[in-house]
Amino acid sequence: MPALDEALALTRRAAEAACEHPQGRPLFAAHAALPWPEEPVLQLWHAQTLLREFRGDGHVACLLSEGVGGLESLILHAATGDFPVDFLKKSRAWPEEEWAGTKERLRERGLLDGDSLSADGVRLRRRIEDRTDLLALPADAALGDIGCERLTELASPFGRAVVDAGLLACG
């Protein structure tokens, strides 16, 4: 399967570049310590897990440096309107009273205006995302812009198949 082979080659190259920068990334480092599987599909899974955790650990560091905890992060993400609130609530299973209380505290901090991000909330999210992207740069740089675009093109059908199969459904 040529698309799988090319996606794997790109993903593995980026993941191996990330392995040169494990500092402060505990989930990434734990996955990076695992041996590479032999089966190509499992290799792709492993490589994308490495990239997810590489970026994710950097994202957590950025969130925490801005005083944003886990539930606050979910609520701010939901407030962008880019991701279904119901999915976040069901998949993370935070009690509704904690969700409501945290949402109110974010309003008090001036980060939410109703259920949407305030101007300060938009600036905070942009700062966090920009810093997260900067921390993820070693993996992205291994592919360059053209390689990243090609990987996105190749991986999109795989992601769509997972969603269409209902594998991300909560309920």
C-alpha atoms as a PDB file:
ATOM      1  CA  MET A   1       0.000   0.000   0.000  1.00  0.00           C
ATOM      2  CA  PRO A   2       2.013   3.001  -1.270  1.00  0.00           C
ATOM      3  CA  ALA A   3       0.144   5.648   0.779  1.00  0.00           C
ATOM      4  CA  LEU A   4       0.790   3.726   3.978  1.00  0.00           C
ATOM      5  CA  ASP A   5       4.467   3.254   3.131  1.00  0.00           C
ATOM      6  CA  GLU A   6       4.960   6.945   2.351  1.00  0.00           C
ATOM      7  CA  ALA A   7       2.991   8.079   5.426  1.00  0.00           C
ATOM      8  CA  LEU A   8       5.043   5.729   7.585  1.00  0.00           C
ATOM      9  CA  ALA A   9       8.344   6.956   6.151  1.00  0.00           C
ATOM     10  CA  LEU A  10       7.435  10.598   6.811  1.00  0.00           C
ATOM     11  CA  THR A  11       5.957   9.969  10.248  1.00  0.00           C
ATOM     12  CA  ARG A  12       8.896   7.851  11.331  1.00  0.00           C
ATOM     13  CA  ARG A  13      11.405  10.466  10.131  1.00  0.00           C
ATOM     14  CA  ALA A  14       9.636  13.144  12.197  1.00  0.00           C
ATOM     15  CA  ALA A  15       9.336  10.848  15.226  1.00  0.00           C
ATOM     16  CA  GLU A  16      12.999   9.915  15.099  1.00  0.00           C
ATOM     17  CA  ALA A  17      13.940  13.609  14.940  1.00  0.00           C
ATOM     18  CA  ALA A  18      11.761  14.196  18.002  1.00  0.00           C
ATOM     19  CA  CYS A  19      13.689  11.454  19.816  1.00  0.00           C
ATOM     20  CA  GLU A  20      16.679  13.799  19.870  1.00  0.00           C
ATOM     21  CA  HIS A  21      14.685  16.096  22.218  1.00  0.00           C
ATOM     22  CA  PRO A  22      13.058  14.020  25.002  1.00  0.00           C
ATOM     23  CA  GLN A  23      13.836  16.487  27.811  1.00  0.00           C
ATOM     24  CA  GLY A  24      10.773  17.491  29.832  1.00  0.00           C
ATOM     25  CA  ARG A  25       8.511  15.195  27.857  1.00  0.00           C
ATOM     26  CA  PRO A  26       7.669  12.241  30.122  1.00  0.00           C
ATOM     27  CA  LEU A  27       4.881  10.640  28.064  1.00  0.00           C
ATOM     28  CA  PHE A  28       6.880  11.006  24.889  1.00  0.00           C
ATOM     29  CA  ALA A  29      10.015   9.580  26.523  1.00  0.00           C
ATOM     30  CA  ALA A  30       8.092   6.579  27.841  1.00  0.00           C
ATOM     31  CA  HIS A  31       6.739   5.769  24.384  1.00  0.00           C
ATOM     32  CA  ALA A  32      10.118   6.451  22.757  1.00  0.00           C
ATOM     33  CA  ALA A  33      11.672   3.822  25.034  1.00  0.00           C
ATOM     34  CA  LEU A  34       9.432   1.133  23.504  1.00  0.00           C
ATOM     35  CA  PRO A  35      10.771  -0.943  20.612  1.00  0.00           C
ATOM     36  CA  TRP A  36       9.457  -0.219  17.133  1.00  0.00           C
ATOM     37  CA  PRO A  37       6.865  -2.802  16.063  1.00  0.00           C
ATOM     38  CA  GLU A  38       7.516  -4.901  12.976  1.00  0.00           C
ATOM     39  CA  GLU A  39       4.115  -4.588  11.282  1.00  0.00           C
ATOM     40  CA  PRO A  40       3.887  -1.404   9.118  1.00  0.00           C
ATOM     41  CA  VAL A  41       0.465  -0.362  10.432  1.00  0.00           C
ATOM     42  CA  LEU A  42       1.709  -0.728  14.005  1.00  0.00           C
ATOM     43  CA  GLN A  43       4.851   1.214  13.103  1.00  0.00           C
ATOM     44  CA  LEU A  44       2.659   4.040  11.815  1.00  0.00           C
ATOM     45  CA  TRP A  45       0.605   3.875  15.011  1.00  0.00           C
ATOM     46  CA  HIS A  46       3.761   4.012  17.128  1.00  0.00           C
ATOM     47  CA  ALA A  47       5.249   6.897  15.140  1.00  0.00           C
ATOM     48  CA  GLN A  48       2.079   8.951  15.334  1.00  0.00           C
ATOM     49  CA  THR A  49       1.828   8.202  19.063  1.00  0.00           C
ATOM     50  CA  LEU A  50       5.357   9.523  19.490  1.00  0.00           C
ATOM     51  CA  LEU A  51       4.491  12.708  17.589  1.00  0.00           C
ATOM     52  CA  ARG A  52       1.235  13.183  19.514  1.00  0.00           C
ATOM     53  CA  GLU A  53       2.971  12.818  22.865  1.00  0.00           C
ATOM     54  CA  PHE A  54       5.929  14.972  21.772  1.00  0.00           C
ATOM     55  CA  ARG A  55       3.597  17.841  20.927  1.00  0.00           C
ATOM     56  CA  GLY A  56       1.278  17.039  23.820  1.00  0.00           C
ATOM     57  CA  ASP A  57       3.969  17.165  26.488  1.00  0.00           C
ATOM     58  CA  GLY A  58       5.106  20.530  25.125  1.00  0.00           C
ATOM     59  CA  HIS A  59       1.503  21.731  25.122  1.00  0.00           C
ATOM     60  CA  VAL A  60       1.043  20.736  28.769  1.00  0.00           C
ATOM     61  CA  ALA A  61       4.199  22.663  29.673  1.00  0.00           C
ATOM     62  CA  CYS A  62       2.880  25.757  27.891  1.00  0.00           C
ATOM     63  CA  LEU A  63      -0.545  25.449  29.526  1.00  0.00           C
ATOM     64  CA  LEU A  64       0.950  25.120  32.979  1.00  0.00           C
ATOM     65  CA  SER A  65       3.319  28.049  32.410  1.00  0.00           C
ATOM     66  CA  GLU A  66       0.215  30.155  31.734  1.00  0.00           C
ATOM     67  CA  GLY A  67      -1.625  28.884  34.816  1.00  0.00           C
ATOM     68  CA  VAL A  68      -4.065  26.774  32.808  1.00  0.00           C
ATOM     69  CA  GLY A  69      -4.935  23.327  34.176  1.00  0.00           C
ATOM     70  CA  GLY A  70      -6.503  20.315  32.478  1.00  0.00           C
ATOM     71  CA  LEU A  71     -10.178  21.162  32.825  1.00  0.00           C
ATOM     72  CA  GLU A  72      -9.532  24.818  32.079  1.00  0.00           C
ATOM     73  CA  SER A  73      -7.758  23.777  28.898  1.00  0.00           C
ATOM     74  CA  LEU A  74     -10.723  21.673  27.778  1.00  0.00           C
ATOM     75  CA  ILE A  75     -13.183  24.479  28.442  1.00  0.00           C
ATOM     76  CA  LEU A  76     -11.035  27.022  26.616  1.00  0.00           C
ATOM     77  CA  HIS A  77     -10.720  24.588  23.701  1.00  0.00           C
ATOM     78  CA  ALA A  78     -14.482  24.093  23.642  1.00  0.00           C
ATOM     79  CA  ALA A  79     -14.995  27.871  23.757  1.00  0.00           C
ATOM     80  CA  THR A  80     -13.241  28.221  20.386  1.00  0.00           C
ATOM     81  CA  GLY A  81     -16.191  26.475  18.771  1.00  0.00           C
ATOM     82  CA  ASP A  82     -13.742  24.252  16.877  1.00  0.00           C
ATOM     83  CA  PHE A  83     -14.533  21.078  18.815  1.00  0.00           C
ATOM     84  CA  PRO A  84     -17.822  19.626  20.092  1.00  0.00           C
ATOM     85  CA  VAL A  85     -18.357  20.395  23.787  1.00  0.00           C
ATOM     86  CA  ASP A  86     -20.387  17.211  24.280  1.00  0.00           C
ATOM     87  CA  PHE A  87     -17.525  15.053  23.009  1.00  0.00           C
ATOM     88  CA  LEU A  88     -15.062  16.719  25.382  1.00  0.00           C
ATOM     89  CA  LYS A  89     -17.425  16.294  28.313  1.00  0.00           C
ATOM     90  CA  LYS A  90     -18.185  12.638  27.595  1.00  0.00           C
ATOM     91  CA  SER A  91     -14.674  11.576  26.668  1.00  0.00           C
ATOM     92  CA  ARG A  92     -13.045  13.218  29.697  1.00  0.00           C
ATOM     93  CA  ALA A  93     -15.891  12.558  32.166  1.00  0.00           C
ATOM     94  CA  TRP A  94     -15.411  15.657  34.337  1.00  0.00           C
ATOM     95  CA  PRO A  95     -18.362  16.035  36.725  1.00  0.00           C
ATOM     96  CA  GLU A  96     -20.785  18.695  35.475  1.00  0.00           C
ATOM     97  CA  GLU A  97     -20.470  20.745  38.676  1.00  0.00           C
ATOM     98  CA  GLU A  98     -16.674  20.927  38.247  1.00  0.00           C
ATOM     99  CA  TRP A  99     -17.112  21.902  34.590  1.00  0.00           C
ATOM    100  CA  ALA A 100     -19.565  24.675  35.541  1.00  0.00           C
ATOM    101  CA  GLY A 101     -17.421  25.947  38.419  1.00  0.00           C
ATOM    102  CA  THR A 102     -14.277  26.034  36.306  1.00  0.00           C
ATOM    103  CA  LYS A 103     -16.138  27.789  33.515  1.00  0.00           C
ATOM    104  CA  GLU A 104     -17.268  30.459  35.959  1.00  0.00           C
ATOM    105  CA  ARG A 105     -13.697  30.945  37.219  1.00  0.00           C
ATOM    106  CA  LEU A 106     -12.520  31.383  33.622  1.00  0.00           C
ATOM    107  CA  ARG A 107     -15.193  34.068  33.164  1.00  0.00           C
ATOM    108  CA  GLU A 108     -13.951  35.770  36.344  1.00  0.00           C
ATOM    109  CA  ARG A 109     -10.393  35.679  34.952  1.00  0.00           C
ATOM    110  CA  GLY A 110     -11.696  37.430  31.843  1.00  0.00           C
ATOM    111  CA  LEU A 111     -10.917  34.514  29.521  1.00  0.00           C
ATOM    112  CA  LEU A 112     -14.521  33.707  28.624  1.00  0.00           C
ATOM    113  CA  ASP A 113     -17.361  35.890  27.492  1.00  0.00           C
ATOM    114  CA  GLY A 114     -20.415  33.717  28.041  1.00  0.00           C
ATOM    115  CA  ASP A 115     -19.557  30.400  26.396  1.00  0.00           C
ATOM    116  CA  SER A 116     -17.030  31.908  23.960  1.00  0.00           C
ATOM    117  CA  LEU A 117     -13.471  33.073  24.317  1.00  0.00           C
ATOM    118  CA  SER A 118     -13.069  36.717  25.279  1.00  0.00           C
ATOM    119  CA  ALA A 119     -10.424  38.839  23.549  1.00  0.00           C
ATOM    120  CA  ASP A 120      -8.031  37.956  26.403  1.00  0.00           C
ATOM    121  CA  GLY A 121      -8.938  34.278  26.001  1.00  0.00           C
ATOM    122  CA  VAL A 122      -8.186  34.411  22.280  1.00  0.00           C
ATOM    123  CA  ARG A 123      -4.789  36.009  22.963  1.00  0.00           C
ATOM    124  CA  LEU A 124      -3.975  33.428  25.649  1.00  0.00           C
ATOM    125  CA  ARG A 125      -4.878  30.498  23.398  1.00  0.00           C
ATOM    126  CA  ARG A 126      -2.851  31.974  20.525  1.00  0.00           C
ATOM    127  CA  ARG A 127       0.176  32.432  22.803  1.00  0.00           C
ATOM    128  CA  ILE A 128      -0.107  28.853  24.084  1.00  0.00           C
ATOM    129  CA  GLU A 129      -0.567  27.399  20.589  1.00  0.00           C
ATOM    130  CA  ASP A 130       2.325  29.437  19.159  1.00  0.00           C
ATOM    131  CA  ARG A 131       4.658  28.308  21.950  1.00  0.00           C
ATOM    132  CA  THR A 132       3.466  24.701  21.565  1.00  0.00           C
ATOM    133  CA  ASP A 133       4.223  24.869  17.834  1.00  0.00           C
ATOM    134  CA  LEU A 134       7.676  26.231  18.598  1.00  0.00           C
ATOM    135  CA  LEU A 135       8.388  23.351  20.998  1.00  0.00           C
ATOM    136  CA  ALA A 136       7.203  20.847  18.354  1.00  0.00           C
ATOM    137  CA  LEU A 137       9.482  22.337  15.716  1.00  0.00           C
ATOM    138  CA  PRO A 138      12.210  19.648  15.858  1.00  0.00           C
ATOM    139  CA  ALA A 139       9.765  17.039  14.547  1.00  0.00           C
ATOM    140  CA  ASP A 140       8.212  19.345  11.957  1.00  0.00           C
ATOM    141  CA  ALA A 141      11.579  20.620  10.748  1.00  0.00           C
ATOM    142  CA  ALA A 142      12.653  17.072   9.909  1.00  0.00           C
ATOM    143  CA  LEU A 143       9.999  17.072   7.184  1.00  0.00           C
ATOM    144  CA  GLY A 144       9.938  20.715   6.157  1.00  0.00           C
ATOM    145  CA  ASP A 145       6.805  22.427   4.913  1.00  0.00           C
ATOM    146  CA  ILE A 146       6.390  20.207   1.857  1.00  0.00           C
ATOM    147  CA  GLY A 147       6.822  17.005   3.874  1.00  0.00           C
ATOM    148  CA  CYS A 148       4.346  18.196   6.537  1.00  0.00           C
ATOM    149  CA  GLU A 149       1.793  19.054   3.864  1.00  0.00           C
ATOM    150  CA  ARG A 150       2.296  15.690   2.181  1.00  0.00           C
ATOM    151  CA  LEU A 151       1.910  13.834   5.470  1.00  0.00           C
ATOM    152  CA  THR A 152      -1.316  15.719   6.188  1.00  0.00           C
ATOM    153  CA  GLU A 153      -2.599  14.748   2.747  1.00  0.00           C
ATOM    154  CA  LEU A 154      -1.650  11.095   3.223  1.00  0.00           C
ATOM    155  CA  ALA A 155      -2.914  10.787   6.794  1.00  0.00           C
ATOM    156  CA  SER A 156      -6.291  12.485   6.312  1.00  0.00           C
ATOM    157  CA  PRO A 157      -8.008   9.414   4.814  1.00  0.00           C
ATOM    158  CA  PHE A 158      -6.757   7.273   7.715  1.00  0.00           C
ATOM    159  CA  GLY A 159      -8.160   9.733  10.257  1.00  0.00           C
ATOM    160  CA  ARG A 160     -11.425  10.020   8.356  1.00  0.00           C
ATOM    161  CA  ALA A 161     -11.767   6.213   8.346  1.00  0.00           C
ATOM    162  CA  VAL A 162     -11.377   6.129  12.149  1.00  0.00           C
ATOM    163  CA  VAL A 163     -14.051   8.812  12.598  1.00  0.00           C
ATOM    164  CA  ASP A 164     -16.401   7.236  10.029  1.00  0.00           C
ATOM    165  CA  ALA A 165     -16.062   3.860  11.753  1.00  0.00           C
ATOM    166  CA  GLY A 166     -17.310   5.471  14.985  1.00  0.00           C
ATOM    167  CA  LEU A 167     -14.124   4.664  16.864  1.00  0.00           C
ATOM    168  CA  LEU A 168     -14.105   8.093  18.517  1.00  0.00           C
ATOM    169  CA  ALA A 169     -17.752   8.111  19.481  1.00  0.00           C
ATOM    170  CA  CYS A 170     -18.501   8.621  23.161  1.00  0.00           C
ATOM    171  CA  GLY A 171     -21.670   7.392  24.591  1.00  0.00           C
END
